[in-house]
Amino acid sequence: MNPIPQRVLVVEDEPKLAALMADYLQQSGYAAEIIGDGLAVLPWLRREKVDLVLLDLMLPGRDGLDILRELRSFSALPVIMVTARVEEIDRLLGLELGADDYICKPFSPREVVVRVKAVLRRGKGDNGANEFLRLDSERFEAFVDGKPLKLTRTEFNLLQRLSTHPGRVYSRDQLLDTIYDDHRVVSERTVDSHIKNLRRKISEASPQRDPIQSVYGVGYKFEV
């Protein structure tokens, strides 16, 4: 019985380029879907299950960074940004929002396949390292060592952001963008308060665990 192929969503408004990337992915054993309209991406992702998204930066209807910003409010799905805009600010902004990798146009379709394989392989490695933590983005449920955590949606979003990239340090400003996507004005101390509650709940469920570490003068990181 053949294994179910991993599914990749190609978000690209240039039909020939999208078809080329999908063709190379399919030849490499992936199932590929294509969307060319930025407005259609998030509704589709809320309905469908995929393993990774190749997300173009410049799209009709809604740009890629805006899509990524909202996607990160409810999902840790791996995302590779595809862009012809190589300015450093775009790269930094994409990383702060949680992009997993970049591909700059023009590129070889073979490079796309290599990057996809690398990100998916890295994701499997992270899951193995963090198998004590399980998150269900659809139900906003979290489990530590199999025990449920009673988290608020804000706490869930914060934990999801931190645990998606173990070892990566997030500033308080970056975490504020994660937990409050309506751009309300709040103090950085708000993040500290949420972190304190989150660490307490994890400790109550599993006293030997303390995966959220503070980095003096910078912010927080997730470490197993």
N, C-alpha and C. Protein backbone atom coordinates (compact mmCIF):
# COMPACT_ATOMS: atom_id res chain seq x y z
N MET A 1 0.85 -1.20 0.00
CA MET A 1 0.00 0.00 0.00
C MET A 1 0.88 1.25 0.00
N ASN A 2 0.71 2.13 -0.98
CA ASN A 2 1.53 3.32 -1.11
C ASN A 2 1.18 4.33 -0.03
N PRO A 3 2.21 5.00 0.56
CA PRO A 3 1.92 6.03 1.56
C PRO A 3 1.25 7.23 0.93
N ILE A 4 0.46 7.93 1.74
CA ILE A 4 -0.22 9.14 1.24
C ILE A 4 0.83 10.23 1.04
N PRO A 5 0.91 10.84 -0.16
CA PRO A 5 1.93 11.86 -0.40
C PRO A 5 1.68 13.12 0.41
N GLN A 6 2.76 13.78 0.80
CA GLN A 6 2.62 15.06 1.50
C GLN A 6 2.07 16.09 0.52
N ARG A 7 1.26 16.99 1.05
CA ARG A 7 0.51 17.92 0.21
C ARG A 7 1.10 19.32 0.32
N VAL A 8 1.37 19.96 -0.81
CA VAL A 8 1.95 21.29 -0.85
C VAL A 8 1.02 22.23 -1.61
N LEU A 9 0.74 23.39 -1.01
CA LEU A 9 -0.06 24.41 -1.69
C LEU A 9 0.87 25.43 -2.32
N VAL A 10 0.77 25.61 -3.63
CA VAL A 10 1.55 26.60 -4.36
C VAL A 10 0.68 27.83 -4.57
N VAL A 11 1.06 28.93 -3.91
CA VAL A 11 0.31 30.19 -4.05
C VAL A 11 1.12 31.10 -4.96
N GLU A 12 0.71 31.19 -6.21
CA GLU A 12 1.48 31.91 -7.24
C GLU A 12 0.50 32.36 -8.33
N ASP A 13 0.56 33.67 -8.70
CA ASP A 13 -0.38 34.20 -9.67
C ASP A 13 0.11 34.13 -11.11
N GLU A 14 1.36 33.68 -11.31
CA GLU A 14 1.85 33.47 -12.68
C GLU A 14 1.56 32.01 -13.05
N PRO A 15 0.56 31.77 -13.91
CA PRO A 15 0.11 30.39 -14.18
C PRO A 15 1.21 29.45 -14.64
N LYS A 16 2.10 29.91 -15.54
CA LYS A 16 3.15 29.03 -16.06
C LYS A 16 4.13 28.65 -14.96
N LEU A 17 4.49 29.62 -14.13
CA LEU A 17 5.43 29.35 -13.03
C LEU A 17 4.79 28.42 -12.00
N ALA A 18 3.53 28.68 -11.69
CA ALA A 18 2.83 27.83 -10.72
C ALA A 18 2.74 26.40 -11.22
N ALA A 19 2.41 26.24 -12.49
CA ALA A 19 2.30 24.90 -13.06
C ALA A 19 3.65 24.20 -13.09
N LEU A 20 4.73 24.96 -13.35
CA LEU A 20 6.06 24.38 -13.38
C LEU A 20 6.46 23.88 -11.99
N MET A 21 6.21 24.70 -10.96
CA MET A 21 6.56 24.29 -9.61
C MET A 21 5.73 23.07 -9.19
N ALA A 22 4.46 23.09 -9.51
CA ALA A 22 3.60 21.95 -9.17
C ALA A 22 4.05 20.68 -9.87
N ASP A 23 4.46 20.81 -11.12
CA ASP A 23 4.91 19.65 -11.88
C ASP A 23 6.17 19.03 -11.25
N TYR A 24 7.14 19.86 -10.89
CA TYR A 24 8.36 19.36 -10.25
C TYR A 24 8.07 18.72 -8.90
N LEU A 25 7.16 19.32 -8.14
CA LEU A 25 6.79 18.76 -6.84
C LEU A 25 6.13 17.39 -7.01
N GLN A 26 5.25 17.28 -8.00
CA GLN A 26 4.56 16.02 -8.24
C GLN A 26 5.53 14.94 -8.70
N GLN A 27 6.51 15.33 -9.53
CA GLN A 27 7.52 14.38 -9.97
C GLN A 27 8.37 13.88 -8.80
N SER A 28 8.45 14.69 -7.73
CA SER A 28 9.22 14.32 -6.55
C SER A 28 8.38 13.62 -5.49
N GLY A 29 7.13 13.30 -5.84
CA GLY A 29 6.31 12.52 -4.94
C GLY A 29 5.35 13.29 -4.06
N TYR A 30 5.24 14.61 -4.28
CA TYR A 30 4.30 15.42 -3.50
C TYR A 30 2.99 15.59 -4.26
N ALA A 31 1.93 15.85 -3.52
CA ALA A 31 0.67 16.25 -4.12
C ALA A 31 0.63 17.77 -4.09
N ALA A 32 0.42 18.41 -5.23
CA ALA A 32 0.49 19.87 -5.32
C ALA A 32 -0.86 20.47 -5.70
N GLU A 33 -1.22 21.55 -5.00
CA GLU A 33 -2.42 22.33 -5.31
C GLU A 33 -1.97 23.74 -5.65
N ILE A 34 -2.76 24.44 -6.47
CA ILE A 34 -2.39 25.79 -6.91
C ILE A 34 -3.51 26.77 -6.61
N ILE A 35 -3.15 27.93 -6.05
CA ILE A 35 -4.07 29.06 -5.88
C ILE A 35 -3.36 30.31 -6.39
N GLY A 36 -4.04 31.11 -7.22
CA GLY A 36 -3.44 32.30 -7.78
C GLY A 36 -3.98 33.60 -7.24
N ASP A 37 -5.00 33.54 -6.40
CA ASP A 37 -5.65 34.75 -5.87
C ASP A 37 -5.39 34.84 -4.36
N GLY A 38 -4.80 35.94 -3.93
CA GLY A 38 -4.48 36.11 -2.52
C GLY A 38 -5.68 36.03 -1.60
N LEU A 39 -6.83 36.49 -2.07
CA LEU A 39 -8.03 36.48 -1.24
C LEU A 39 -8.56 35.07 -0.99
N ALA A 40 -8.18 34.13 -1.82
CA ALA A 40 -8.72 32.76 -1.71
C ALA A 40 -7.88 31.87 -0.79
N VAL A 41 -6.69 32.32 -0.41
CA VAL A 41 -5.75 31.43 0.27
C VAL A 41 -6.22 31.01 1.66
N LEU A 42 -6.53 31.97 2.52
CA LEU A 42 -6.88 31.64 3.91
C LEU A 42 -8.19 30.87 4.02
N PRO A 43 -9.25 31.25 3.29
CA PRO A 43 -10.46 30.41 3.35
C PRO A 43 -10.18 28.97 2.93
N TRP A 44 -9.31 28.78 1.92
CA TRP A 44 -8.96 27.43 1.47
C TRP A 44 -8.20 26.68 2.56
N LEU A 45 -7.24 27.35 3.20
CA LEU A 45 -6.44 26.70 4.23
C LEU A 45 -7.25 26.36 5.48
N ARG A 46 -8.31 27.08 5.72
CA ARG A 46 -9.17 26.76 6.87
C ARG A 46 -10.01 25.52 6.59
N ARG A 47 -10.19 25.19 5.31
CA ARG A 47 -10.98 24.01 4.94
C ARG A 47 -10.13 22.78 4.69
N GLU A 48 -8.94 22.99 4.15
CA GLU A 48 -8.13 21.90 3.64
C GLU A 48 -6.91 21.63 4.53
N LYS A 49 -6.39 20.41 4.43
CA LYS A 49 -5.19 20.02 5.16
C LYS A 49 -4.02 19.94 4.19
N VAL A 50 -2.95 20.69 4.46
CA VAL A 50 -1.73 20.60 3.67
C VAL A 50 -0.54 20.51 4.63
N ASP A 51 0.62 20.14 4.07
CA ASP A 51 1.82 20.00 4.89
C ASP A 51 2.74 21.20 4.80
N LEU A 52 2.59 21.99 3.72
CA LEU A 52 3.47 23.15 3.53
C LEU A 52 2.85 24.08 2.50
N VAL A 53 3.15 25.37 2.62
CA VAL A 53 2.69 26.37 1.66
C VAL A 53 3.88 27.09 1.03
N LEU A 54 3.90 27.13 -0.29
CA LEU A 54 4.83 27.99 -1.03
C LEU A 54 4.07 29.27 -1.33
N LEU A 55 4.45 30.36 -0.68
CA LEU A 55 3.64 31.58 -0.70
C LEU A 55 4.36 32.73 -1.39
N ASP A 56 3.84 33.14 -2.54
CA ASP A 56 4.41 34.28 -3.26
C ASP A 56 4.12 35.57 -2.49
N LEU A 57 5.07 36.50 -2.54
CA LEU A 57 4.90 37.75 -1.81
C LEU A 57 3.91 38.68 -2.50
N MET A 58 4.03 38.82 -3.81
CA MET A 58 3.18 39.74 -4.58
C MET A 58 2.03 38.97 -5.21
N LEU A 59 0.82 39.21 -4.70
CA LEU A 59 -0.36 38.50 -5.18
C LEU A 59 -1.50 39.46 -5.43
N PRO A 60 -2.39 39.14 -6.36
CA PRO A 60 -3.58 39.97 -6.53
C PRO A 60 -4.55 39.73 -5.37
N GLY A 61 -5.18 40.79 -4.92
CA GLY A 61 -6.19 40.67 -3.87
C GLY A 61 -5.64 40.86 -2.48
N ARG A 62 -4.52 40.17 -2.15
CA ARG A 62 -3.94 40.25 -0.82
C ARG A 62 -2.49 39.81 -0.90
N ASP A 63 -1.57 40.58 -0.32
CA ASP A 63 -0.16 40.23 -0.46
C ASP A 63 0.23 39.12 0.51
N GLY A 64 1.37 38.49 0.20
CA GLY A 64 1.79 37.32 0.94
C GLY A 64 2.08 37.56 2.41
N LEU A 65 2.68 38.71 2.74
CA LEU A 65 2.99 38.99 4.14
C LEU A 65 1.72 39.16 4.97
N ASP A 66 0.71 39.78 4.39
CA ASP A 66 -0.57 39.94 5.08
C ASP A 66 -1.22 38.57 5.31
N ILE A 67 -1.13 37.71 4.30
CA ILE A 67 -1.66 36.35 4.43
C ILE A 67 -0.92 35.60 5.53
N LEU A 68 0.41 35.70 5.52
CA LEU A 68 1.21 35.01 6.53
C LEU A 68 0.89 35.50 7.93
N ARG A 69 0.71 36.82 8.07
CA ARG A 69 0.40 37.39 9.38
C ARG A 69 -0.87 36.77 9.95
N GLU A 70 -1.92 36.69 9.14
CA GLU A 70 -3.17 36.11 9.64
C GLU A 70 -3.06 34.60 9.82
N LEU A 71 -2.35 33.94 8.93
CA LEU A 71 -2.19 32.48 9.05
C LEU A 71 -1.54 32.13 10.38
N ARG A 72 -0.55 32.91 10.79
CA ARG A 72 0.16 32.61 12.04
C ARG A 72 -0.72 32.84 13.28
N SER A 73 -1.86 33.47 13.10
CA SER A 73 -2.76 33.66 14.24
C SER A 73 -3.53 32.38 14.57
N PHE A 74 -3.54 31.41 13.63
CA PHE A 74 -4.28 30.18 13.91
C PHE A 74 -3.55 28.91 13.47
N SER A 75 -2.35 29.03 12.88
CA SER A 75 -1.68 27.84 12.39
C SER A 75 -0.17 28.00 12.38
N ALA A 76 0.53 26.89 12.68
CA ALA A 76 2.00 26.86 12.60
C ALA A 76 2.45 26.14 11.33
N LEU A 77 1.58 26.06 10.34
CA LEU A 77 1.88 25.38 9.08
C LEU A 77 3.17 25.92 8.47
N PRO A 78 4.10 25.04 8.04
CA PRO A 78 5.34 25.51 7.41
C PRO A 78 5.07 26.34 6.16
N VAL A 79 5.77 27.48 6.05
CA VAL A 79 5.58 28.40 4.93
C VAL A 79 6.93 28.79 4.36
N ILE A 80 7.09 28.65 3.04
CA ILE A 80 8.26 29.14 2.34
C ILE A 80 7.82 30.33 1.49
N MET A 81 8.41 31.49 1.75
CA MET A 81 8.06 32.68 0.98
C MET A 81 8.80 32.68 -0.36
N VAL A 82 8.10 33.05 -1.41
CA VAL A 82 8.68 33.16 -2.75
C VAL A 82 8.57 34.61 -3.17
N THR A 83 9.70 35.25 -3.48
CA THR A 83 9.65 36.69 -3.75
C THR A 83 10.69 37.14 -4.75
N ALA A 84 10.35 38.17 -5.50
CA ALA A 84 11.31 38.84 -6.37
C ALA A 84 11.84 40.10 -5.69
N ARG A 85 11.26 40.44 -4.54
CA ARG A 85 11.69 41.62 -3.78
C ARG A 85 12.72 41.17 -2.75
N VAL A 86 13.95 41.54 -2.97
CA VAL A 86 15.03 41.02 -2.14
C VAL A 86 15.49 42.01 -1.08
N GLU A 87 14.74 43.11 -0.88
CA GLU A 87 15.13 44.07 0.14
C GLU A 87 15.18 43.38 1.51
N GLU A 88 16.14 43.73 2.29
CA GLU A 88 16.34 43.08 3.58
C GLU A 88 15.13 43.24 4.50
N ILE A 89 14.43 44.38 4.39
CA ILE A 89 13.29 44.60 5.29
C ILE A 89 12.21 43.56 5.04
N ASP A 90 12.02 43.16 3.80
CA ASP A 90 11.01 42.13 3.51
C ASP A 90 11.41 40.79 4.11
N ARG A 91 12.70 40.48 4.02
CA ARG A 91 13.19 39.23 4.60
C ARG A 91 12.98 39.24 6.12
N LEU A 92 13.36 40.33 6.76
CA LEU A 92 13.23 40.42 8.22
C LEU A 92 11.78 40.36 8.64
N LEU A 93 10.93 41.09 7.93
CA LEU A 93 9.51 41.10 8.29
C LEU A 93 8.93 39.71 8.13
N GLY A 94 9.29 39.03 7.06
CA GLY A 94 8.78 37.68 6.85
C GLY A 94 9.20 36.74 7.97
N LEU A 95 10.47 36.86 8.40
CA LEU A 95 10.94 36.00 9.47
C LEU A 95 10.25 36.30 10.78
N GLU A 96 10.03 37.58 11.07
CA GLU A 96 9.36 37.95 12.31
C GLU A 96 7.94 37.41 12.34
N LEU A 97 7.32 37.31 11.18
CA LEU A 97 5.96 36.79 11.12
C LEU A 97 5.92 35.27 11.15
N GLY A 98 7.08 34.64 11.00
CA GLY A 98 7.11 33.19 11.13
C GLY A 98 7.31 32.41 9.85
N ALA A 99 7.87 33.05 8.79
CA ALA A 99 8.20 32.28 7.59
C ALA A 99 9.32 31.30 7.92
N ASP A 100 9.28 30.11 7.32
CA ASP A 100 10.28 29.08 7.60
C ASP A 100 11.48 29.16 6.67
N ASP A 101 11.30 29.75 5.48
CA ASP A 101 12.42 29.85 4.55
C ASP A 101 12.02 30.81 3.43
N TYR A 102 13.00 31.16 2.58
CA TYR A 102 12.77 32.04 1.43
C TYR A 102 13.33 31.43 0.17
N ILE A 103 12.68 31.73 -0.94
CA ILE A 103 13.24 31.46 -2.26
C ILE A 103 13.10 32.75 -3.05
N CYS A 104 14.21 33.23 -3.62
CA CYS A 104 14.17 34.48 -4.37
C CYS A 104 14.11 34.22 -5.87
N LYS A 105 13.21 34.91 -6.54
CA LYS A 105 13.11 34.82 -8.00
C LYS A 105 14.24 35.59 -8.63
N PRO A 106 14.79 35.10 -9.77
CA PRO A 106 14.47 33.83 -10.43
C PRO A 106 15.13 32.66 -9.72
N PHE A 107 14.52 31.51 -9.84
CA PHE A 107 15.06 30.33 -9.17
C PHE A 107 14.85 29.10 -10.05
N SER A 108 15.57 28.05 -9.72
CA SER A 108 15.41 26.77 -10.40
C SER A 108 14.27 26.00 -9.73
N PRO A 109 13.40 25.36 -10.50
CA PRO A 109 12.35 24.53 -9.88
C PRO A 109 12.93 23.43 -8.99
N ARG A 110 14.12 22.97 -9.33
CA ARG A 110 14.77 21.95 -8.49
C ARG A 110 15.10 22.51 -7.12
N GLU A 111 15.44 23.81 -7.08
CA GLU A 111 15.71 24.46 -5.79
C GLU A 111 14.46 24.46 -4.92
N VAL A 112 13.31 24.67 -5.55
CA VAL A 112 12.04 24.66 -4.81
C VAL A 112 11.85 23.31 -4.12
N VAL A 113 12.08 22.24 -4.87
CA VAL A 113 11.90 20.89 -4.32
C VAL A 113 12.87 20.66 -3.17
N VAL A 114 14.12 21.09 -3.33
CA VAL A 114 15.13 20.91 -2.28
C VAL A 114 14.71 21.67 -1.02
N ARG A 115 14.24 22.91 -1.18
CA ARG A 115 13.83 23.71 -0.02
C ARG A 115 12.62 23.09 0.67
N VAL A 116 11.67 22.61 -0.11
CA VAL A 116 10.49 21.97 0.46
C VAL A 116 10.88 20.75 1.27
N LYS A 117 11.73 19.91 0.71
CA LYS A 117 12.19 18.72 1.42
C LYS A 117 12.88 19.09 2.73
N ALA A 118 13.72 20.14 2.68
CA ALA A 118 14.48 20.54 3.87
C ALA A 118 13.56 21.05 4.97
N VAL A 119 12.59 21.87 4.62
CA VAL A 119 11.67 22.41 5.64
C VAL A 119 10.80 21.32 6.24
N LEU A 120 10.29 20.42 5.41
CA LEU A 120 9.46 19.33 5.92
C LEU A 120 10.28 18.38 6.79
N ARG A 121 11.53 18.13 6.40
CA ARG A 121 12.40 17.27 7.19
C ARG A 121 12.72 17.92 8.53
N ARG A 122 12.96 19.24 8.50
CA ARG A 122 13.24 19.97 9.73
C ARG A 122 12.03 19.94 10.66
N GLY A 123 10.85 20.06 10.07
CA GLY A 123 9.63 20.01 10.88
C GLY A 123 9.47 18.69 11.58
N LYS A 124 9.81 17.59 10.89
CA LYS A 124 9.73 16.27 11.51
C LYS A 124 10.70 16.17 12.66
N GLY A 125 11.88 16.75 12.48
CA GLY A 125 12.86 16.72 13.56
C GLY A 125 12.39 17.48 14.78
N ASP A 126 11.76 18.63 14.56
CA ASP A 126 11.25 19.41 15.68
C ASP A 126 10.17 18.65 16.41
N ASN A 127 9.28 17.99 15.65
CA ASN A 127 8.20 17.26 16.30
C ASN A 127 8.75 16.15 17.18
N GLY A 128 9.82 15.50 16.74
CA GLY A 128 10.39 14.45 17.55
C GLY A 128 11.00 14.99 18.83
N ALA A 129 11.65 16.16 18.73
CA ALA A 129 12.28 16.75 19.90
C ALA A 129 11.24 17.24 20.89
N ASN A 130 10.08 17.68 20.36
CA ASN A 130 9.08 18.28 21.22
C ASN A 130 7.85 17.39 21.35
N GLU A 131 8.06 16.07 21.32
CA GLU A 131 6.90 15.18 21.32
C GLU A 131 6.10 15.27 22.61
N PHE A 132 6.67 15.88 23.65
CA PHE A 132 5.90 16.05 24.89
C PHE A 132 4.82 17.11 24.71
N LEU A 133 4.93 17.98 23.68
CA LEU A 133 3.95 19.04 23.45
C LEU A 133 3.15 18.74 22.19
N ARG A 134 1.82 18.77 22.32
CA ARG A 134 0.95 18.59 21.14
C ARG A 134 -0.06 19.72 21.10
N LEU A 135 -0.16 20.37 19.93
CA LEU A 135 -1.08 21.47 19.75
C LEU A 135 -2.09 21.15 18.66
N ASP A 136 -3.35 21.46 18.93
CA ASP A 136 -4.41 21.30 17.94
C ASP A 136 -4.91 22.69 17.59
N SER A 137 -4.47 23.20 16.42
CA SER A 137 -4.78 24.57 16.03
C SER A 137 -6.25 24.79 15.74
N GLU A 138 -6.94 23.76 15.32
CA GLU A 138 -8.36 23.91 14.99
C GLU A 138 -9.22 24.05 16.24
N ARG A 139 -8.85 23.32 17.30
CA ARG A 139 -9.64 23.35 18.54
C ARG A 139 -9.00 24.22 19.62
N PHE A 140 -7.83 24.78 19.32
CA PHE A 140 -7.08 25.57 20.31
C PHE A 140 -6.88 24.76 21.59
N GLU A 141 -6.42 23.51 21.41
CA GLU A 141 -6.14 22.62 22.53
C GLU A 141 -4.64 22.33 22.58
N ALA A 142 -4.12 22.25 23.80
CA ALA A 142 -2.70 21.96 23.99
C ALA A 142 -2.55 20.86 25.03
N PHE A 143 -1.55 19.98 24.81
CA PHE A 143 -1.30 18.87 25.71
C PHE A 143 0.19 18.79 26.01
N VAL A 144 0.54 18.62 27.26
CA VAL A 144 1.92 18.42 27.68
C VAL A 144 2.01 17.05 28.33
N ASP A 145 2.88 16.20 27.77
CA ASP A 145 3.00 14.82 28.25
C ASP A 145 1.64 14.13 28.30
N GLY A 146 0.78 14.46 27.33
CA GLY A 146 -0.54 13.85 27.24
C GLY A 146 -1.59 14.49 28.13
N LYS A 147 -1.20 15.45 28.95
CA LYS A 147 -2.15 16.10 29.86
C LYS A 147 -2.63 17.41 29.25
N PRO A 148 -3.95 17.68 29.28
CA PRO A 148 -4.47 18.90 28.67
C PRO A 148 -4.09 20.15 29.46
N LEU A 149 -3.81 21.23 28.73
CA LEU A 149 -3.58 22.53 29.35
C LEU A 149 -4.81 23.39 29.13
N LYS A 150 -5.29 24.03 30.15
CA LYS A 150 -6.44 24.93 30.01
C LYS A 150 -5.91 26.32 29.70
N LEU A 151 -5.78 26.59 28.40
CA LEU A 151 -5.19 27.85 27.95
C LEU A 151 -6.24 28.78 27.37
N THR A 152 -6.03 30.07 27.54
CA THR A 152 -6.81 31.05 26.81
C THR A 152 -6.33 31.05 25.36
N ARG A 153 -7.09 31.64 24.47
CA ARG A 153 -6.66 31.69 23.07
C ARG A 153 -5.34 32.46 22.94
N THR A 154 -5.20 33.51 23.73
CA THR A 154 -3.96 34.29 23.70
C THR A 154 -2.78 33.45 24.13
N GLU A 155 -2.95 32.68 25.20
CA GLU A 155 -1.87 31.81 25.67
C GLU A 155 -1.54 30.73 24.65
N PHE A 156 -2.58 30.20 24.00
CA PHE A 156 -2.35 29.18 22.97
C PHE A 156 -1.53 29.76 21.82
N ASN A 157 -1.91 30.95 21.34
CA ASN A 157 -1.19 31.58 20.24
C ASN A 157 0.27 31.84 20.61
N LEU A 158 0.48 32.25 21.83
CA LEU A 158 1.83 32.53 22.31
C LEU A 158 2.67 31.24 22.34
N LEU A 159 2.10 30.18 22.88
CA LEU A 159 2.81 28.90 22.95
C LEU A 159 3.08 28.35 21.55
N GLN A 160 2.13 28.49 20.67
CA GLN A 160 2.31 28.00 19.30
C GLN A 160 3.43 28.74 18.60
N ARG A 161 3.48 30.05 18.76
CA ARG A 161 4.53 30.85 18.11
C ARG A 161 5.91 30.46 18.63
N LEU A 162 6.05 30.32 19.93
CA LEU A 162 7.34 30.00 20.52
C LEU A 162 7.81 28.59 20.15
N SER A 163 6.88 27.64 20.18
CA SER A 163 7.27 26.23 19.98
C SER A 163 7.48 25.86 18.52
N THR A 164 7.01 26.70 17.59
CA THR A 164 7.19 26.41 16.17
C THR A 164 8.66 26.41 15.78
N HIS A 165 9.46 27.27 16.42
CA HIS A 165 10.89 27.37 16.11
C HIS A 165 11.69 27.25 17.40
N PRO A 166 11.89 26.03 17.91
CA PRO A 166 12.64 25.85 19.16
C PRO A 166 14.02 26.48 19.09
N GLY A 167 14.40 27.18 20.16
CA GLY A 167 15.70 27.82 20.23
C GLY A 167 15.73 29.22 19.68
N ARG A 168 14.75 29.60 18.88
CA ARG A 168 14.72 30.95 18.32
C ARG A 168 14.22 31.94 19.37
N VAL A 169 14.92 33.07 19.49
CA VAL A 169 14.55 34.08 20.48
C VAL A 169 13.60 35.10 19.85
N TYR A 170 12.47 35.32 20.52
CA TYR A 170 11.48 36.30 20.07
C TYR A 170 11.48 37.49 21.02
N SER A 171 11.48 38.69 20.46
CA SER A 171 11.37 39.88 21.29
C SER A 171 9.92 40.03 21.77
N ARG A 172 9.72 40.86 22.76
CA ARG A 172 8.37 41.10 23.26
C ARG A 172 7.49 41.74 22.19
N ASP A 173 8.08 42.62 21.39
CA ASP A 173 7.31 43.25 20.30
C ASP A 173 6.81 42.20 19.31
N GLN A 174 7.66 41.25 18.95
CA GLN A 174 7.25 40.20 18.02
C GLN A 174 6.13 39.36 18.62
N LEU A 175 6.22 39.06 19.89
CA LEU A 175 5.19 38.25 20.54
C LEU A 175 3.89 39.04 20.70
N LEU A 176 3.99 40.34 20.91
CA LEU A 176 2.78 41.17 20.97
C LEU A 176 2.02 41.12 19.65
N ASP A 177 2.77 41.14 18.54
CA ASP A 177 2.13 41.04 17.22
C ASP A 177 1.41 39.71 17.05
N THR A 178 1.92 38.66 17.70
CA THR A 178 1.31 37.35 17.61
C THR A 178 0.00 37.27 18.39
N ILE A 179 0.00 37.81 19.60
CA ILE A 179 -1.16 37.61 20.47
C ILE A 179 -2.23 38.66 20.29
N TYR A 180 -1.86 39.82 19.70
CA TYR A 180 -2.85 40.86 19.47
C TYR A 180 -2.75 41.33 18.02
N ASP A 181 -3.50 40.69 17.12
CA ASP A 181 -3.41 41.04 15.71
C ASP A 181 -4.28 42.23 15.34
N ASP A 182 -4.97 42.84 16.33
CA ASP A 182 -5.78 44.03 16.04
C ASP A 182 -5.00 45.32 16.32
N HIS A 183 -3.70 45.17 16.61
CA HIS A 183 -2.78 46.30 16.78
C HIS A 183 -3.19 47.21 17.94
N ARG A 184 -3.81 46.66 18.96
CA ARG A 184 -4.14 47.46 20.14
C ARG A 184 -2.85 47.88 20.85
N VAL A 185 -2.94 48.98 21.57
CA VAL A 185 -1.77 49.48 22.29
C VAL A 185 -1.74 48.86 23.68
N VAL A 186 -0.74 48.04 23.93
CA VAL A 186 -0.59 47.40 25.24
C VAL A 186 0.87 47.44 25.64
N SER A 187 1.13 47.27 26.93
CA SER A 187 2.50 47.30 27.45
C SER A 187 3.21 45.98 27.18
N GLU A 188 4.54 46.06 27.05
CA GLU A 188 5.33 44.84 26.89
C GLU A 188 5.18 43.93 28.12
N ARG A 189 4.83 44.52 29.25
CA ARG A 189 4.63 43.73 30.46
C ARG A 189 3.46 42.75 30.30
N THR A 190 2.59 43.05 29.35
CA THR A 190 1.48 42.13 29.07
C THR A 190 2.01 40.78 28.64
N VAL A 191 3.06 40.79 27.80
CA VAL A 191 3.68 39.53 27.37
C VAL A 191 4.24 38.79 28.56
N ASP A 192 4.92 39.50 29.45
CA ASP A 192 5.49 38.87 30.64
C ASP A 192 4.41 38.20 31.48
N SER A 193 3.25 38.85 31.59
CA SER A 193 2.15 38.30 32.37
C SER A 193 1.63 37.01 31.74
N HIS A 194 1.46 37.02 30.41
CA HIS A 194 0.98 35.81 29.71
C HIS A 194 2.00 34.68 29.83
N ILE A 195 3.28 35.02 29.70
CA ILE A 195 4.34 34.01 29.82
C ILE A 195 4.33 33.39 31.21
N LYS A 196 4.17 34.23 32.24
CA LYS A 196 4.13 33.74 33.61
C LYS A 196 3.00 32.74 33.79
N ASN A 197 1.80 33.08 33.27
CA ASN A 197 0.65 32.18 33.38
C ASN A 197 0.88 30.89 32.60
N LEU A 198 1.48 31.02 31.43
CA LEU A 198 1.74 29.86 30.58
C LEU A 198 2.73 28.90 31.25
N ARG A 199 3.78 29.44 31.81
CA ARG A 199 4.78 28.60 32.48
C ARG A 199 4.17 27.90 33.70
N ARG A 200 3.30 28.62 34.41
CA ARG A 200 2.66 28.03 35.58
C ARG A 200 1.78 26.86 35.18
N LYS A 201 1.01 27.01 34.09
CA LYS A 201 0.12 25.94 33.66
C LYS A 201 0.90 24.73 33.15
N ILE A 202 2.00 24.96 32.45
CA ILE A 202 2.82 23.85 31.99
C ILE A 202 3.43 23.12 33.19
N SER A 203 3.89 23.88 34.18
CA SER A 203 4.48 23.28 35.37
C SER A 203 3.47 22.46 36.16
N GLU A 204 2.23 22.94 36.22
CA GLU A 204 1.19 22.20 36.93
C GLU A 204 0.89 20.88 36.24
N ALA A 205 0.91 20.88 34.91
CA ALA A 205 0.63 19.65 34.16
C ALA A 205 1.82 18.71 34.16
N SER A 206 3.03 19.27 34.16
CA SER A 206 4.24 18.45 34.09
C SER A 206 5.36 19.18 34.84
N PRO A 207 5.47 18.93 36.15
CA PRO A 207 6.40 19.70 36.99
C PRO A 207 7.85 19.69 36.53
N GLN A 208 8.27 18.64 35.81
CA GLN A 208 9.67 18.57 35.39
C GLN A 208 9.94 19.39 34.13
N ARG A 209 8.89 19.96 33.54
CA ARG A 209 9.05 20.71 32.29
C ARG A 209 9.08 22.22 32.54
N ASP A 210 10.00 22.90 31.90
CA ASP A 210 10.05 24.36 31.92
C ASP A 210 10.63 24.83 30.59
N PRO A 211 9.86 24.63 29.49
CA PRO A 211 10.43 24.85 28.15
C PRO A 211 10.56 26.31 27.73
N ILE A 212 9.87 27.22 28.40
CA ILE A 212 9.91 28.62 27.99
C ILE A 212 10.96 29.35 28.83
N GLN A 213 12.00 29.81 28.17
CA GLN A 213 13.11 30.46 28.85
C GLN A 213 13.18 31.94 28.50
N SER A 214 13.50 32.76 29.49
CA SER A 214 13.67 34.19 29.24
C SER A 214 15.11 34.46 28.82
N VAL A 215 15.28 35.38 27.90
CA VAL A 215 16.61 35.81 27.44
C VAL A 215 16.76 37.26 27.86
N TYR A 216 17.62 37.50 28.82
CA TYR A 216 17.71 38.82 29.46
C TYR A 216 17.92 39.94 28.43
N GLY A 217 17.07 40.95 28.52
CA GLY A 217 17.19 42.11 27.65
C GLY A 217 16.68 41.92 26.24
N VAL A 218 16.20 40.70 25.92
CA VAL A 218 15.73 40.43 24.55
C VAL A 218 14.27 39.98 24.54
N GLY A 219 14.00 38.80 25.12
CA GLY A 219 12.64 38.28 25.08
C GLY A 219 12.59 36.86 25.60
N TYR A 220 11.99 35.95 24.79
CA TYR A 220 11.78 34.57 25.24
C TYR A 220 12.08 33.60 24.10
N LYS A 221 12.38 32.35 24.52
CA LYS A 221 12.57 31.29 23.56
C LYS A 221 12.00 29.99 24.13
N PHE A 222 11.77 29.03 23.25
CA PHE A 222 11.24 27.72 23.62
C PHE A 222 12.36 26.70 23.48
N GLU A 223 12.67 26.00 24.56
CA GLU A 223 13.72 24.99 24.56
C GLU A 223 13.21 23.73 25.25
N VAL A 224 13.52 22.58 24.69
CA VAL A 224 13.17 21.32 25.34
C VAL A 224 14.24 21.03 26.39
